[in-house]
Amino acid sequence: MRNYGVYVPRERGQPHKLPHVHIKYRGRLIASVFLLTLTVYGQHETLPEDLLERLREAQAEMLTMWVELNDGD
């Protein structure tokens, strides 16, 4: 989606939250999404339905990225 970015955070040195991604629009954080349930939280703007569908499609890949970035810290 144009102007949207999905970021898997690395929580080094912090207590880990549940696996999640941050959604940014034009560089500004607008929401976060729990990867296990795809529940949107911390939402500042409504996310487009097609963006949520893309998250569903990439859910397993993003969970793998979360583990790679945060496992063992």
PDB file of N, CA and C in Angstrom:
ATOM      1  N   MET A   1       0.848  -1.173   0.000  1.00  0.00           N
ATOM      2  CA  MET A   1       0.000   0.000   0.000  1.00  0.00           C
ATOM      3  C   MET A   1       0.890   1.231   0.000  1.00  0.00           C
ATOM      4  N   ARG A   2       0.535   2.129  -0.789  1.00  0.00           N
ATOM      5  CA  ARG A   2       1.314   3.348  -0.932  1.00  0.00           C
ATOM      6  C   ARG A   2       1.278   4.172   0.364  1.00  0.00           C
ATOM      7  N   ASN A   3       2.440   4.649   0.764  1.00  0.00           N
ATOM      8  CA  ASN A   3       2.627   5.510   1.933  1.00  0.00           C
ATOM      9  C   ASN A   3       2.486   4.794   3.280  1.00  0.00           C
ATOM     10  N   TYR A   4       2.223   3.486   3.290  1.00  0.00           N
ATOM     11  CA  TYR A   4       2.144   2.729   4.538  1.00  0.00           C
ATOM     12  C   TYR A   4       3.404   1.880   4.692  1.00  0.00           C
ATOM     13  N   GLY A   5       3.865   1.753   5.930  1.00  0.00           N
ATOM     14  CA  GLY A   5       4.980   0.882   6.228  1.00  0.00           C
ATOM     15  C   GLY A   5       4.613  -0.015   7.386  1.00  0.00           C
ATOM     16  N   VAL A   6       5.052  -1.267   7.319  1.00  0.00           N
ATOM     17  CA  VAL A   6       4.820  -2.232   8.391  1.00  0.00           C
ATOM     18  C   VAL A   6       6.187  -2.624   8.925  1.00  0.00           C
ATOM     19  N   TYR A   7       6.379  -2.454  10.230  1.00  0.00           N
ATOM     20  CA  TYR A   7       7.675  -2.667  10.850  1.00  0.00           C
ATOM     21  C   TYR A   7       7.577  -3.663  11.991  1.00  0.00           C
ATOM     22  N   VAL A   8       8.454  -4.668  11.961  1.00  0.00           N
ATOM     23  CA  VAL A   8       8.569  -5.617  13.063  1.00  0.00           C
ATOM     24  C   VAL A   8       9.633  -5.051  13.997  1.00  0.00           C
ATOM     25  N   PRO A   9       9.251  -4.653  15.223  1.00  0.00           N
ATOM     26  CA  PRO A   9      10.220  -4.012  16.106  1.00  0.00           C
ATOM     27  C   PRO A   9      11.150  -5.007  16.792  1.00  0.00           C
ATOM     28  N   ARG A  10      12.333  -4.538  17.084  1.00  0.00           N
ATOM     29  CA  ARG A  10      13.259  -5.286  17.922  1.00  0.00           C
ATOM     30  C   ARG A  10      13.210  -4.638  19.295  1.00  0.00           C
ATOM     31  N   GLU A  11      12.874  -5.412  20.296  1.00  0.00           N
ATOM     32  CA  GLU A  11      12.683  -4.876  21.645  1.00  0.00           C
ATOM     33  C   GLU A  11      13.881  -5.216  22.521  1.00  0.00           C
ATOM     34  N   ARG A  12      15.049  -4.879  22.069  1.00  0.00           N
ATOM     35  CA  ARG A  12      16.286  -5.159  22.803  1.00  0.00           C
ATOM     36  C   ARG A  12      16.283  -4.413  24.130  1.00  0.00           C
ATOM     37  N   GLY A  13      16.597  -5.167  25.201  1.00  0.00           N
ATOM     38  CA  GLY A  13      16.717  -4.558  26.515  1.00  0.00           C
ATOM     39  C   GLY A  13      15.403  -4.133  27.138  1.00  0.00           C
ATOM     40  N   GLN A  14      14.299  -4.546  26.562  1.00  0.00           N
ATOM     41  CA  GLN A  14      12.977  -4.203  27.097  1.00  0.00           C
ATOM     42  C   GLN A  14      12.222  -5.500  27.363  1.00  0.00           C
ATOM     43  N   PRO A  15      11.286  -5.454  28.305  1.00  0.00           N
ATOM     44  CA  PRO A  15      10.434  -6.644  28.439  1.00  0.00           C
ATOM     45  C   PRO A  15       9.608  -6.791  27.158  1.00  0.00           C
ATOM     46  N   HIS A  16       9.599  -7.984  26.620  1.00  0.00           N
ATOM     47  CA  HIS A  16       8.895  -8.192  25.358  1.00  0.00           C
ATOM     48  C   HIS A  16       7.384  -8.143  25.547  1.00  0.00           C
ATOM     49  N   LYS A  17       6.742  -7.428  24.665  1.00  0.00           N
ATOM     50  CA  LYS A  17       5.291  -7.463  24.569  1.00  0.00           C
ATOM     51  C   LYS A  17       4.953  -8.683  23.716  1.00  0.00           C
ATOM     52  N   LEU A  18       3.683  -8.913  23.524  1.00  0.00           N
ATOM     53  CA  LEU A  18       3.300  -9.963  22.587  1.00  0.00           C
ATOM     54  C   LEU A  18       3.827  -9.591  21.208  1.00  0.00           C
ATOM     55  N   PRO A  19       4.098 -10.581  20.356  1.00  0.00           N
ATOM     56  CA  PRO A  19       4.570 -10.271  19.008  1.00  0.00           C
ATOM     57  C   PRO A  19       3.610  -9.299  18.315  1.00  0.00           C
ATOM     58  N   HIS A  20       4.194  -8.240  17.746  1.00  0.00           N
ATOM     59  CA  HIS A  20       3.373  -7.213  17.107  1.00  0.00           C
ATOM     60  C   HIS A  20       4.175  -6.499  16.034  1.00  0.00           C
ATOM     61  N   VAL A  21       3.474  -5.730  15.231  1.00  0.00           N
ATOM     62  CA  VAL A  21       4.092  -4.858  14.236  1.00  0.00           C
ATOM     63  C   VAL A  21       3.567  -3.447  14.448  1.00  0.00           C
ATOM     64  N   HIS A  22       4.344  -2.492  13.974  1.00  0.00           N
ATOM     65  CA  HIS A  22       3.926  -1.101  13.980  1.00  0.00           C
ATOM     66  C   HIS A  22       3.548  -0.721  12.557  1.00  0.00           C
ATOM     67  N   ILE A  23       2.463   0.021  12.430  1.00  0.00           N
ATOM     68  CA  ILE A  23       2.020   0.511  11.130  1.00  0.00           C
ATOM     69  C   ILE A  23       2.261   2.015  11.094  1.00  0.00           C
ATOM     70  N   LYS A  24       2.978   2.438  10.073  1.00  0.00           N
ATOM     71  CA  LYS A  24       3.231   3.870   9.905  1.00  0.00           C
ATOM     72  C   LYS A  24       2.627   4.333   8.589  1.00  0.00           C
ATOM     73  N   TYR A  25       2.155   5.560   8.613  1.00  0.00           N
ATOM     74  CA  TYR A  25       1.635   6.189   7.407  1.00  0.00           C
ATOM     75  C   TYR A  25       2.427   7.471   7.196  1.00  0.00           C
ATOM     76  N   ARG A  26       3.146   7.516   6.077  1.00  0.00           N
ATOM     77  CA  ARG A  26       4.021   8.652   5.774  1.00  0.00           C
ATOM     78  C   ARG A  26       4.988   8.927   6.919  1.00  0.00           C
ATOM     79  N   GLY A  27       5.517   7.844   7.507  1.00  0.00           N
ATOM     80  CA  GLY A  27       6.510   7.946   8.555  1.00  0.00           C
ATOM     81  C   GLY A  27       5.982   8.179   9.958  1.00  0.00           C
ATOM     82  N   ARG A  28       4.671   8.267  10.109  1.00  0.00           N
ATOM     83  CA  ARG A  28       4.045   8.558  11.400  1.00  0.00           C
ATOM     84  C   ARG A  28       3.324   7.315  11.905  1.00  0.00           C
ATOM     85  N   LEU A  29       3.634   6.911  13.169  1.00  0.00           N
ATOM     86  CA  LEU A  29       2.990   5.727  13.744  1.00  0.00           C
ATOM     87  C   LEU A  29       1.488   5.974  13.884  1.00  0.00           C
ATOM     88  N   ILE A  30       0.695   5.072  13.295  1.00  0.00           N
ATOM     89  CA  ILE A  30      -0.763   5.243  13.389  1.00  0.00           C
ATOM     90  C   ILE A  30      -1.454   4.085  14.100  1.00  0.00           C
ATOM     91  N   ALA A  31      -0.761   2.946  14.243  1.00  0.00           N
ATOM     92  CA  ALA A  31      -1.376   1.808  14.926  1.00  0.00           C
ATOM     93  C   ALA A  31      -0.336   0.720  15.123  1.00  0.00           C
ATOM     94  N   SER A  32      -0.680  -0.234  15.975  1.00  0.00           N
ATOM     95  CA  SER A  32       0.095  -1.456  16.142  1.00  0.00           C
ATOM     96  C   SER A  32      -0.876  -2.618  16.022  1.00  0.00           C
ATOM     97  N   VAL A  33      -0.349  -3.773  15.639  1.00  0.00           N
ATOM     98  CA  VAL A  33      -1.190  -4.950  15.429  1.00  0.00           C
ATOM     99  C   VAL A  33      -0.505  -6.151  16.072  1.00  0.00           C
ATOM    100  N   PHE A  34      -1.228  -6.853  16.975  1.00  0.00           N
ATOM    101  CA  PHE A  34      -0.722  -8.094  17.545  1.00  0.00           C
ATOM    102  C   PHE A  34      -0.692  -9.146  16.441  1.00  0.00           C
ATOM    103  N   LEU A  35       0.433  -9.823  16.293  1.00  0.00           N
ATOM    104  CA  LEU A  35       0.583 -10.770  15.187  1.00  0.00           C
ATOM    105  C   LEU A  35      -0.167 -12.079  15.382  1.00  0.00           C
ATOM    106  N   LEU A  36      -0.346 -12.522  16.619  1.00  0.00           N
ATOM    107  CA  LEU A  36      -1.018 -13.804  16.835  1.00  0.00           C
ATOM    108  C   LEU A  36      -2.504 -13.733  16.515  1.00  0.00           C
ATOM    109  N   THR A  37      -3.129 -12.597  16.808  1.00  0.00           N
ATOM    110  CA  THR A  37      -4.577 -12.462  16.627  1.00  0.00           C
ATOM    111  C   THR A  37      -4.959 -11.448  15.554  1.00  0.00           C
ATOM    112  N   LEU A  38      -3.977 -10.673  15.092  1.00  0.00           N
ATOM    113  CA  LEU A  38      -4.195  -9.560  14.156  1.00  0.00           C
ATOM    114  C   LEU A  38      -5.158  -8.519  14.727  1.00  0.00           C
ATOM    115  N   THR A  39      -5.110  -8.378  16.056  1.00  0.00           N
ATOM    116  CA  THR A  39      -5.901  -7.360  16.742  1.00  0.00           C
ATOM    117  C   THR A  39      -5.168  -6.029  16.667  1.00  0.00           C
ATOM    118  N   VAL A  40      -5.881  -4.998  16.245  1.00  0.00           N
ATOM    119  CA  VAL A  40      -5.312  -3.664  16.139  1.00  0.00           C
ATOM    120  C   VAL A  40      -5.407  -2.986  17.505  1.00  0.00           C
ATOM    121  N   TYR A  41      -4.314  -2.335  17.939  1.00  0.00           N
ATOM    122  CA  TYR A  41      -4.334  -1.584  19.201  1.00  0.00           C
ATOM    123  C   TYR A  41      -3.523  -0.305  19.017  1.00  0.00           C
ATOM    124  N   GLY A  42      -3.679   0.608  19.955  1.00  0.00           N
ATOM    125  CA  GLY A  42      -2.953   1.871  19.874  1.00  0.00           C
ATOM    126  C   GLY A  42      -3.243   2.610  18.584  1.00  0.00           C
ATOM    127  N   GLN A  43      -4.460   2.485  18.112  1.00  0.00           N
ATOM    128  CA  GLN A  43      -4.826   3.008  16.800  1.00  0.00           C
ATOM    129  C   GLN A  43      -5.135   4.500  16.861  1.00  0.00           C
ATOM    130  N   HIS A  44      -4.483   5.266  15.982  1.00  0.00           N
ATOM    131  CA  HIS A  44      -4.726   6.700  15.860  1.00  0.00           C
ATOM    132  C   HIS A  44      -5.541   7.027  14.615  1.00  0.00           C
ATOM    133  N   GLU A  45      -5.530   6.116  13.658  1.00  0.00           N
ATOM    134  CA  GLU A  45      -6.290   6.271  12.420  1.00  0.00           C
ATOM    135  C   GLU A  45      -6.811   4.909  12.004  1.00  0.00           C
ATOM    136  N   THR A  46      -7.892   4.895  11.267  1.00  0.00           N
ATOM    137  CA  THR A  46      -8.461   3.649  10.769  1.00  0.00           C
ATOM    138  C   THR A  46      -7.553   3.068   9.702  1.00  0.00           C
ATOM    139  N   LEU A  47      -7.275   1.774   9.817  1.00  0.00           N
ATOM    140  CA  LEU A  47      -6.441   1.109   8.828  1.00  0.00           C
ATOM    141  C   LEU A  47      -7.305   0.631   7.662  1.00  0.00           C
ATOM    142  N   PRO A  48      -6.806   0.776   6.446  1.00  0.00           N
ATOM    143  CA  PRO A  48      -7.561   0.288   5.289  1.00  0.00           C
ATOM    144  C   PRO A  48      -7.726  -1.225   5.343  1.00  0.00           C
ATOM    145  N   GLU A  49      -8.863  -1.706   4.919  1.00  0.00           N
ATOM    146  CA  GLU A  49      -9.154  -3.138   4.955  1.00  0.00           C
ATOM    147  C   GLU A  49      -8.157  -3.932   4.107  1.00  0.00           C
ATOM    148  N   ASP A  50      -7.714  -3.386   2.973  1.00  0.00           N
ATOM    149  CA  ASP A  50      -6.758  -4.134   2.157  1.00  0.00           C
ATOM    150  C   ASP A  50      -5.392  -4.230   2.824  1.00  0.00           C
ATOM    151  N   LEU A  51      -5.029  -3.279   3.677  1.00  0.00           N
ATOM    152  CA  LEU A  51      -3.797  -3.380   4.446  1.00  0.00           C
ATOM    153  C   LEU A  51      -3.923  -4.508   5.474  1.00  0.00           C
ATOM    154  N   LEU A  52      -5.064  -4.595   6.133  1.00  0.00           N
ATOM    155  CA  LEU A  52      -5.295  -5.687   7.083  1.00  0.00           C
ATOM    156  C   LEU A  52      -5.259  -7.043   6.381  1.00  0.00           C
ATOM    157  N   GLU A  53      -5.765  -7.101   5.171  1.00  0.00           N
ATOM    158  CA  GLU A  53      -5.725  -8.357   4.400  1.00  0.00           C
ATOM    159  C   GLU A  53      -4.281  -8.731   4.076  1.00  0.00           C
ATOM    160  N   ARG A  54      -3.473  -7.777   3.731  1.00  0.00           N
ATOM    161  CA  ARG A  54      -2.052  -8.058   3.462  1.00  0.00           C
ATOM    162  C   ARG A  54      -1.344  -8.544   4.720  1.00  0.00           C
ATOM    163  N   LEU A  55      -1.719  -7.993   5.869  1.00  0.00           N
ATOM    164  CA  LEU A  55      -1.153  -8.476   7.132  1.00  0.00           C
ATOM    165  C   LEU A  55      -1.528  -9.934   7.360  1.00  0.00           C
ATOM    166  N   ARG A  56      -2.773 -10.294   7.064  1.00  0.00           N
ATOM    167  CA  ARG A  56      -3.217 -11.692   7.205  1.00  0.00           C
ATOM    168  C   ARG A  56      -2.371 -12.606   6.321  1.00  0.00           C
ATOM    169  N   GLU A  57      -2.135 -12.158   5.092  1.00  0.00           N
ATOM    170  CA  GLU A  57      -1.379 -12.962   4.139  1.00  0.00           C
ATOM    171  C   GLU A  57       0.077 -13.145   4.571  1.00  0.00           C
ATOM    172  N   ALA A  58       0.644 -12.166   5.239  1.00  0.00           N
ATOM    173  CA  ALA A  58       2.055 -12.190   5.630  1.00  0.00           C
ATOM    174  C   ALA A  58       2.258 -12.531   7.109  1.00  0.00           C
ATOM    175  N   GLN A  59       1.209 -12.957   7.783  1.00  0.00           N
ATOM    176  CA  GLN A  59       1.254 -13.184   9.227  1.00  0.00           C
ATOM    177  C   GLN A  59       2.377 -14.143   9.629  1.00  0.00           C
ATOM    178  N   ALA A  60       2.477 -15.293   8.991  1.00  0.00           N
ATOM    179  CA  ALA A  60       3.495 -16.284   9.354  1.00  0.00           C
ATOM    180  C   ALA A  60       4.900 -15.723   9.144  1.00  0.00           C
ATOM    181  N   GLU A  61       5.115 -15.027   8.061  1.00  0.00           N
ATOM    182  CA  GLU A  61       6.425 -14.440   7.779  1.00  0.00           C
ATOM    183  C   GLU A  61       6.803 -13.396   8.830  1.00  0.00           C
ATOM    184  N   MET A  62       5.847 -12.569   9.228  1.00  0.00           N
ATOM    185  CA  MET A  62       6.124 -11.538  10.230  1.00  0.00           C
ATOM    186  C   MET A  62       6.384 -12.154  11.602  1.00  0.00           C
ATOM    187  N   LEU A  63       5.674 -13.236  11.939  1.00  0.00           N
ATOM    188  CA  LEU A  63       5.946 -13.934  13.205  1.00  0.00           C
ATOM    189  C   LEU A  63       7.362 -14.506  13.214  1.00  0.00           C
ATOM    190  N   THR A  64       7.786 -15.052  12.096  1.00  0.00           N
ATOM    191  CA  THR A  64       9.146 -15.559  11.982  1.00  0.00           C
ATOM    192  C   THR A  64      10.156 -14.434  12.180  1.00  0.00           C
ATOM    193  N   MET A  65       9.905 -13.290  11.578  1.00  0.00           N
ATOM    194  CA  MET A  65      10.790 -12.132  11.736  1.00  0.00           C
ATOM    195  C   MET A  65      10.835 -11.685  13.196  1.00  0.00           C
ATOM    196  N   TRP A  66       9.683 -11.686  13.865  1.00  0.00           N
ATOM    197  CA  TRP A  66       9.630 -11.292  15.279  1.00  0.00           C
ATOM    198  C   TRP A  66      10.547 -12.190  16.111  1.00  0.00           C
ATOM    199  N   VAL A  67      10.432 -13.505  15.901  1.00  0.00           N
ATOM    200  CA  VAL A  67      11.239 -14.458  16.665  1.00  0.00           C
ATOM    201  C   VAL A  67      12.730 -14.222  16.377  1.00  0.00           C
ATOM    202  N   GLU A  68      13.083 -14.052  15.111  1.00  0.00           N
ATOM    203  CA  GLU A  68      14.483 -13.822  14.750  1.00  0.00           C
ATOM    204  C   GLU A  68      15.040 -12.567  15.408  1.00  0.00           C
ATOM    205  N   LEU A  69      14.243 -11.528  15.491  1.00  0.00           N
ATOM    206  CA  LEU A  69      14.697 -10.247  16.059  1.00  0.00           C
ATOM    207  C   LEU A  69      14.681 -10.229  17.591  1.00  0.00           C
ATOM    208  N   ASN A  70      13.791 -10.987  18.206  1.00  0.00           N
ATOM    209  CA  ASN A  70      13.575 -10.852  19.639  1.00  0.00           C
ATOM    210  C   ASN A  70      13.857 -12.092  20.472  1.00  0.00           C
ATOM    211  N   ASP A  71      14.101 -13.224  19.867  1.00  0.00           N
ATOM    212  CA  ASP A  71      14.346 -14.435  20.632  1.00  0.00           C
ATOM    213  C   ASP A  71      15.750 -14.399  21.237  1.00  0.00           C
ATOM    214  N   GLY A  72      15.818 -14.653  22.521  1.00  0.00           N
ATOM    215  CA  GLY A  72      17.100 -14.750  23.177  1.00  0.00           C
ATOM    216  C   GLY A  72      17.637 -13.434  23.734  1.00  0.00           C
ATOM    217  N   ASP A  73      16.904 -12.346  23.592  1.00  0.00           N
ATOM    218  CA  ASP A  73      17.350 -11.065  24.166  1.00  0.00           C
ATOM    219  C   ASP A  73      17.019 -11.014  25.634  1.00  0.00           C
TER     220      ASP A  73
END
